[in-house]
Amino acid sequence: MLHVVQENDTRWFSTYLMIVRAIILRNSIDLFILRHQTSAKDEKNLSEFTLTADDWNYCSEVNAFMKPLFLLVKELEGKSSSGIYTLYFSEYCSYN
């Protein structure tokens, strides 16, 4: 069972991972919000949190933009035994 992912200020890419999971759960999220739209004052009303088609398109655009960076960072995490990545990026990065 998949659950929504909550953004976390101390984790890299938590917002990206939250958006990826939201896209996967889009139908469930939309249905949940639709079922909790009410005018009764004693119930929680989620109508203000309805995501429009433009909101979902924006999430898809953020996902497409961030995915390559996320994959690159995941590839570079940890310690390289060969130092290949260090040599490769030292040509393009300056740490002055």
Protein backbone atom coordinates (compact mmCIF):
# COMPACT_ATOMS: atom_id res chain seq x y z
CA MET A 1 0.00 0.00 0.00
CA LEU A 2 1.35 3.40 -0.95
CA HIS A 3 0.99 6.42 1.29
CA VAL A 4 1.61 10.07 0.53
CA VAL A 5 5.13 11.31 1.18
CA GLN A 6 5.47 14.37 3.38
CA GLU A 7 7.97 17.08 2.60
CA ASN A 8 10.89 17.29 5.04
CA ASP A 9 13.20 20.31 5.32
CA THR A 10 16.18 18.19 6.33
CA ARG A 11 16.05 15.70 3.45
CA TRP A 12 17.33 16.45 -0.01
CA PHE A 13 14.72 15.94 -2.70
CA SER A 14 11.87 15.37 -0.25
CA THR A 15 9.68 17.78 -2.22
CA TYR A 16 10.55 15.95 -5.45
CA LEU A 17 9.72 12.57 -3.87
CA MET A 18 6.47 14.02 -2.51
CA ILE A 19 5.49 15.16 -6.02
CA VAL A 20 6.41 11.80 -7.57
CA ARG A 21 4.24 9.96 -5.05
CA ALA A 22 1.39 12.45 -5.50
CA ILE A 23 1.44 11.85 -9.27
CA ILE A 24 1.25 8.10 -8.65
CA LEU A 25 -1.65 8.60 -6.22
CA ARG A 26 -3.38 11.32 -8.25
CA ASN A 27 -6.70 9.50 -8.63
CA SER A 28 -6.83 8.62 -4.93
CA ILE A 29 -5.93 12.17 -3.89
CA ASP A 30 -8.56 13.70 -6.18
CA LEU A 31 -11.20 11.24 -4.93
CA PHE A 32 -10.30 11.86 -1.28
CA ILE A 33 -10.59 15.63 -1.70
CA LEU A 34 -13.84 15.28 -3.66
CA ARG A 35 -15.37 13.13 -0.93
CA HIS A 36 -14.41 15.66 1.75
CA GLN A 37 -15.95 18.75 0.21
CA THR A 38 -18.77 19.89 2.42
CA SER A 39 -20.56 23.01 3.52
CA ALA A 40 -21.23 21.65 7.02
CA LYS A 41 -19.37 23.69 9.62
CA ASP A 42 -18.72 20.71 11.90
CA GLU A 43 -16.82 18.76 9.22
CA LYS A 44 -13.45 19.43 7.63
CA ASN A 45 -13.83 20.92 4.19
CA LEU A 46 -11.02 20.15 1.74
CA SER A 47 -12.46 22.02 -1.25
CA GLU A 48 -9.74 24.68 -1.00
CA PHE A 49 -7.13 21.96 -1.56
CA THR A 50 -8.56 20.73 -4.87
CA LEU A 51 -5.80 20.38 -7.45
CA THR A 52 -6.67 21.64 -10.91
CA ALA A 53 -5.44 20.18 -14.19
CA ASP A 54 -2.90 23.03 -14.28
CA ASP A 55 -1.66 22.05 -10.80
CA TRP A 56 -1.17 18.45 -11.91
CA ASN A 57 0.56 19.59 -15.11
CA TYR A 58 2.92 21.72 -13.01
CA CYS A 59 3.70 18.66 -10.85
CA SER A 60 4.49 16.69 -14.02
CA GLU A 61 6.77 19.47 -15.27
CA VAL A 62 8.62 19.63 -11.94
CA ASN A 63 8.99 15.85 -12.03
CA ALA A 64 10.42 15.92 -15.56
CA PHE A 65 12.84 18.70 -14.65
CA MET A 66 14.03 17.27 -11.34
CA LYS A 67 14.27 13.56 -12.21
CA PRO A 68 17.65 13.73 -14.03
CA LEU A 69 19.17 15.76 -11.17
CA PHE A 70 17.75 13.37 -8.58
CA LEU A 71 19.17 10.36 -10.44
CA LEU A 72 22.56 12.06 -10.80
CA VAL A 73 22.77 12.86 -7.09
CA LYS A 74 21.75 9.29 -6.22
CA GLU A 75 24.48 7.98 -8.53
CA LEU A 76 27.09 10.21 -6.87
CA GLU A 77 26.10 9.40 -3.28
CA GLY A 78 28.50 7.35 -1.23
CA LYS A 79 32.18 6.73 -1.73
CA SER A 80 33.58 5.79 -5.08
CA SER A 81 36.27 3.12 -4.94
CA SER A 82 37.73 4.19 -8.28
CA GLY A 83 37.43 7.98 -8.01
CA ILE A 84 36.02 8.17 -11.54
CA TYR A 85 33.30 10.67 -10.63
CA THR A 86 35.75 12.88 -8.76
CA LEU A 87 38.05 13.02 -11.78
CA TYR A 88 35.18 13.62 -14.18
CA PHE A 89 33.62 16.50 -12.25
CA SER A 90 36.91 18.12 -11.23
CA GLU A 91 37.38 19.14 -14.87
CA TYR A 92 34.08 21.04 -14.86
CA CYS A 93 33.85 22.32 -11.29
CA SER A 94 36.08 24.79 -9.54
CA TYR A 95 36.04 25.04 -5.77
CA ASN A 96 37.77 28.41 -5.42
